[in-house]
Amino acid sequence: MVVLDTFRRLSAPERLELLEALWSEMDEAQVASPAWHKEALAESLADFETGRAEFSDWNEAKKRLQRDLLNS
């Protein structure tokens, strides 16, 4: 695919700029969030409000996600 090949040749900052531009062009009415998004947000909010939420900085979260993905 020509578009993907072009994307791969961009630098990281250029890729981010393109992604931001593409995202800003999306019409919210055309891209509906799935129902589970609302449920997941409600659960996260409830955890936060009751003090059950656990927080970590981005580096820790990224390591945990990578570890979880490699072990799945």
N, C-alpha and C. Protein backbone atom coordinates (compact mmCIF):
# COMPACT_ATOMS: atom_id res chain seq x y z
N MET A 1 0.86 -1.17 0.00
CA MET A 1 0.00 0.00 0.00
C MET A 1 0.90 1.23 0.00
N VAL A 2 0.69 2.11 -0.96
CA VAL A 2 1.56 3.28 -1.14
C VAL A 2 1.51 4.22 0.06
N VAL A 3 0.35 4.43 0.62
CA VAL A 3 0.21 5.35 1.76
C VAL A 3 1.00 4.83 2.95
N LEU A 4 0.92 3.55 3.21
CA LEU A 4 1.64 2.97 4.34
C LEU A 4 3.14 3.04 4.12
N ASP A 5 3.58 2.78 2.90
CA ASP A 5 5.01 2.89 2.59
C ASP A 5 5.51 4.31 2.82
N THR A 6 4.73 5.28 2.41
CA THR A 6 5.10 6.69 2.62
C THR A 6 5.14 7.01 4.11
N PHE A 7 4.15 6.53 4.86
CA PHE A 7 4.10 6.75 6.30
C PHE A 7 5.35 6.20 6.97
N ARG A 8 5.77 5.03 6.56
CA ARG A 8 6.94 4.39 7.17
C ARG A 8 8.23 5.18 6.93
N ARG A 9 8.28 5.98 5.89
CA ARG A 9 9.47 6.77 5.59
C ARG A 9 9.52 8.08 6.37
N LEU A 10 8.43 8.44 7.02
CA LEU A 10 8.39 9.67 7.81
C LEU A 10 9.15 9.50 9.11
N SER A 11 9.66 10.62 9.61
CA SER A 11 10.29 10.60 10.93
C SER A 11 9.19 10.49 11.99
N ALA A 12 9.58 10.19 13.21
CA ALA A 12 8.60 10.07 14.30
C ALA A 12 7.80 11.36 14.48
N PRO A 13 8.45 12.54 14.51
CA PRO A 13 7.66 13.77 14.64
C PRO A 13 6.70 13.99 13.47
N GLU A 14 7.13 13.62 12.28
CA GLU A 14 6.25 13.76 11.11
C GLU A 14 5.07 12.81 11.19
N ARG A 15 5.31 11.60 11.69
CA ARG A 15 4.22 10.64 11.86
C ARG A 15 3.19 11.17 12.85
N LEU A 16 3.68 11.70 13.98
CA LEU A 16 2.75 12.25 14.98
C LEU A 16 1.94 13.41 14.41
N GLU A 17 2.61 14.28 13.66
CA GLU A 17 1.91 15.40 13.05
C GLU A 17 0.82 14.92 12.10
N LEU A 18 1.14 13.91 11.30
CA LEU A 18 0.15 13.36 10.38
C LEU A 18 -1.00 12.72 11.12
N LEU A 19 -0.69 11.94 12.16
CA LEU A 19 -1.76 11.31 12.94
C LEU A 19 -2.68 12.34 13.59
N GLU A 20 -2.09 13.41 14.11
CA GLU A 20 -2.91 14.47 14.71
C GLU A 20 -3.79 15.13 13.66
N ALA A 21 -3.26 15.35 12.47
CA ALA A 21 -4.05 15.96 11.39
C ALA A 21 -5.18 15.04 10.97
N LEU A 22 -4.89 13.75 10.84
CA LEU A 22 -5.93 12.79 10.47
C LEU A 22 -7.02 12.73 11.53
N TRP A 23 -6.60 12.68 12.78
CA TRP A 23 -7.58 12.59 13.87
C TRP A 23 -8.48 13.83 13.90
N SER A 24 -7.91 15.00 13.65
CA SER A 24 -8.71 16.22 13.69
C SER A 24 -9.72 16.26 12.54
N GLU A 25 -9.48 15.49 11.50
CA GLU A 25 -10.40 15.44 10.37
C GLU A 25 -11.56 14.48 10.60
N MET A 26 -11.45 13.64 11.62
CA MET A 26 -12.51 12.67 11.88
C MET A 26 -13.74 13.37 12.46
N ASP A 27 -14.86 13.01 11.98
CA ASP A 27 -16.13 13.55 12.47
C ASP A 27 -16.64 12.62 13.56
N GLU A 28 -16.84 13.15 14.76
CA GLU A 28 -17.27 12.32 15.88
C GLU A 28 -18.55 11.56 15.57
N ALA A 29 -19.42 12.13 14.76
CA ALA A 29 -20.67 11.46 14.43
C ALA A 29 -20.42 10.21 13.58
N GLN A 30 -19.32 10.21 12.85
CA GLN A 30 -19.00 9.07 11.98
C GLN A 30 -18.25 7.97 12.73
N VAL A 31 -17.65 8.31 13.85
CA VAL A 31 -16.84 7.35 14.59
C VAL A 31 -17.43 7.22 15.99
N ALA A 32 -18.33 6.30 16.12
CA ALA A 32 -18.97 6.09 17.42
C ALA A 32 -18.11 5.19 18.29
N SER A 33 -17.99 5.54 19.54
CA SER A 33 -17.27 4.69 20.47
C SER A 33 -18.11 3.46 20.76
N PRO A 34 -17.47 2.31 20.90
CA PRO A 34 -18.24 1.12 21.25
C PRO A 34 -18.79 1.23 22.67
N ALA A 35 -19.83 0.49 22.94
CA ALA A 35 -20.49 0.55 24.25
C ALA A 35 -19.53 0.24 25.39
N TRP A 36 -18.57 -0.66 25.15
CA TRP A 36 -17.67 -1.04 26.23
C TRP A 36 -16.78 0.12 26.67
N HIS A 37 -16.56 1.13 25.80
CA HIS A 37 -15.77 2.29 26.20
C HIS A 37 -16.45 3.01 27.36
N LYS A 38 -17.77 3.22 27.23
CA LYS A 38 -18.51 3.92 28.28
C LYS A 38 -18.47 3.12 29.58
N GLU A 39 -18.59 1.80 29.47
CA GLU A 39 -18.55 0.94 30.65
C GLU A 39 -17.17 0.99 31.31
N ALA A 40 -16.12 0.95 30.50
CA ALA A 40 -14.75 0.98 31.05
C ALA A 40 -14.48 2.32 31.73
N LEU A 41 -14.95 3.41 31.14
CA LEU A 41 -14.76 4.72 31.76
C LEU A 41 -15.52 4.83 33.08
N ALA A 42 -16.74 4.30 33.10
CA ALA A 42 -17.54 4.33 34.33
C ALA A 42 -16.85 3.52 35.44
N GLU A 43 -16.30 2.38 35.06
CA GLU A 43 -15.59 1.55 36.05
C GLU A 43 -14.35 2.26 36.57
N SER A 44 -13.61 2.90 35.67
CA SER A 44 -12.41 3.64 36.10
C SER A 44 -12.77 4.80 37.02
N LEU A 45 -13.83 5.51 36.70
CA LEU A 45 -14.27 6.62 37.53
C LEU A 45 -14.70 6.12 38.90
N ALA A 46 -15.42 5.01 38.93
CA ALA A 46 -15.85 4.45 40.22
C ALA A 46 -14.64 4.05 41.05
N ASP A 47 -13.64 3.44 40.42
CA ASP A 47 -12.42 3.06 41.15
C ASP A 47 -11.74 4.29 41.72
N PHE A 48 -11.68 5.36 40.93
CA PHE A 48 -11.05 6.60 41.38
C PHE A 48 -11.82 7.19 42.56
N GLU A 49 -13.13 7.26 42.42
CA GLU A 49 -13.96 7.90 43.46
C GLU A 49 -13.95 7.12 44.77
N THR A 50 -13.75 5.81 44.70
CA THR A 50 -13.75 5.01 45.93
C THR A 50 -12.34 4.77 46.46
N GLY A 51 -11.34 5.31 45.78
CA GLY A 51 -9.96 5.15 46.23
C GLY A 51 -9.32 3.84 45.84
N ARG A 52 -9.99 3.05 45.00
CA ARG A 52 -9.43 1.76 44.59
C ARG A 52 -8.50 1.89 43.38
N ALA A 53 -8.48 3.04 42.75
CA ALA A 53 -7.64 3.23 41.55
C ALA A 53 -6.17 3.21 41.92
N GLU A 54 -5.39 2.58 41.09
CA GLU A 54 -3.94 2.56 41.28
C GLU A 54 -3.32 3.34 40.12
N PHE A 55 -2.34 4.15 40.43
CA PHE A 55 -1.71 4.99 39.43
C PHE A 55 -0.23 4.65 39.30
N SER A 56 0.28 4.81 38.08
CA SER A 56 1.71 4.63 37.85
C SER A 56 2.14 5.63 36.78
N ASP A 57 3.43 5.92 36.76
CA ASP A 57 3.89 6.85 35.74
C ASP A 57 3.96 6.12 34.40
N TRP A 58 4.13 6.89 33.33
CA TRP A 58 4.06 6.33 31.99
C TRP A 58 5.12 5.24 31.76
N ASN A 59 6.33 5.44 32.22
CA ASN A 59 7.38 4.44 32.00
C ASN A 59 7.02 3.11 32.65
N GLU A 60 6.50 3.16 33.86
CA GLU A 60 6.08 1.92 34.54
C GLU A 60 4.92 1.27 33.80
N ALA A 61 3.95 2.07 33.39
CA ALA A 61 2.78 1.54 32.68
C ALA A 61 3.20 0.91 31.35
N LYS A 62 4.11 1.57 30.64
CA LYS A 62 4.56 1.05 29.35
C LYS A 62 5.27 -0.29 29.53
N LYS A 63 6.12 -0.40 30.53
CA LYS A 63 6.81 -1.67 30.80
C LYS A 63 5.80 -2.76 31.12
N ARG A 64 4.80 -2.43 31.94
CA ARG A 64 3.79 -3.41 32.32
C ARG A 64 2.99 -3.86 31.09
N LEU A 65 2.62 -2.91 30.23
CA LEU A 65 1.86 -3.26 29.02
C LEU A 65 2.68 -4.14 28.09
N GLN A 66 3.95 -3.78 27.91
CA GLN A 66 4.82 -4.59 27.04
C GLN A 66 4.99 -5.99 27.60
N ARG A 67 5.19 -6.11 28.90
CA ARG A 67 5.33 -7.41 29.53
C ARG A 67 4.05 -8.24 29.36
N ASP A 68 2.91 -7.59 29.58
CA ASP A 68 1.63 -8.29 29.45
C ASP A 68 1.38 -8.75 28.03
N LEU A 69 1.74 -7.90 27.06
CA LEU A 69 1.53 -8.27 25.65
C LEU A 69 2.44 -9.41 25.24
N LEU A 70 3.67 -9.41 25.74
CA LEU A 70 4.60 -10.48 25.39
C LEU A 70 4.21 -11.82 26.01
N ASN A 71 3.53 -11.75 27.16
CA ASN A 71 3.14 -12.97 27.86
C ASN A 71 1.75 -13.46 27.48
N SER A 72 1.08 -12.77 26.57
CA SER A 72 -0.28 -13.20 26.23
C SER A 72 -0.29 -14.11 25.01
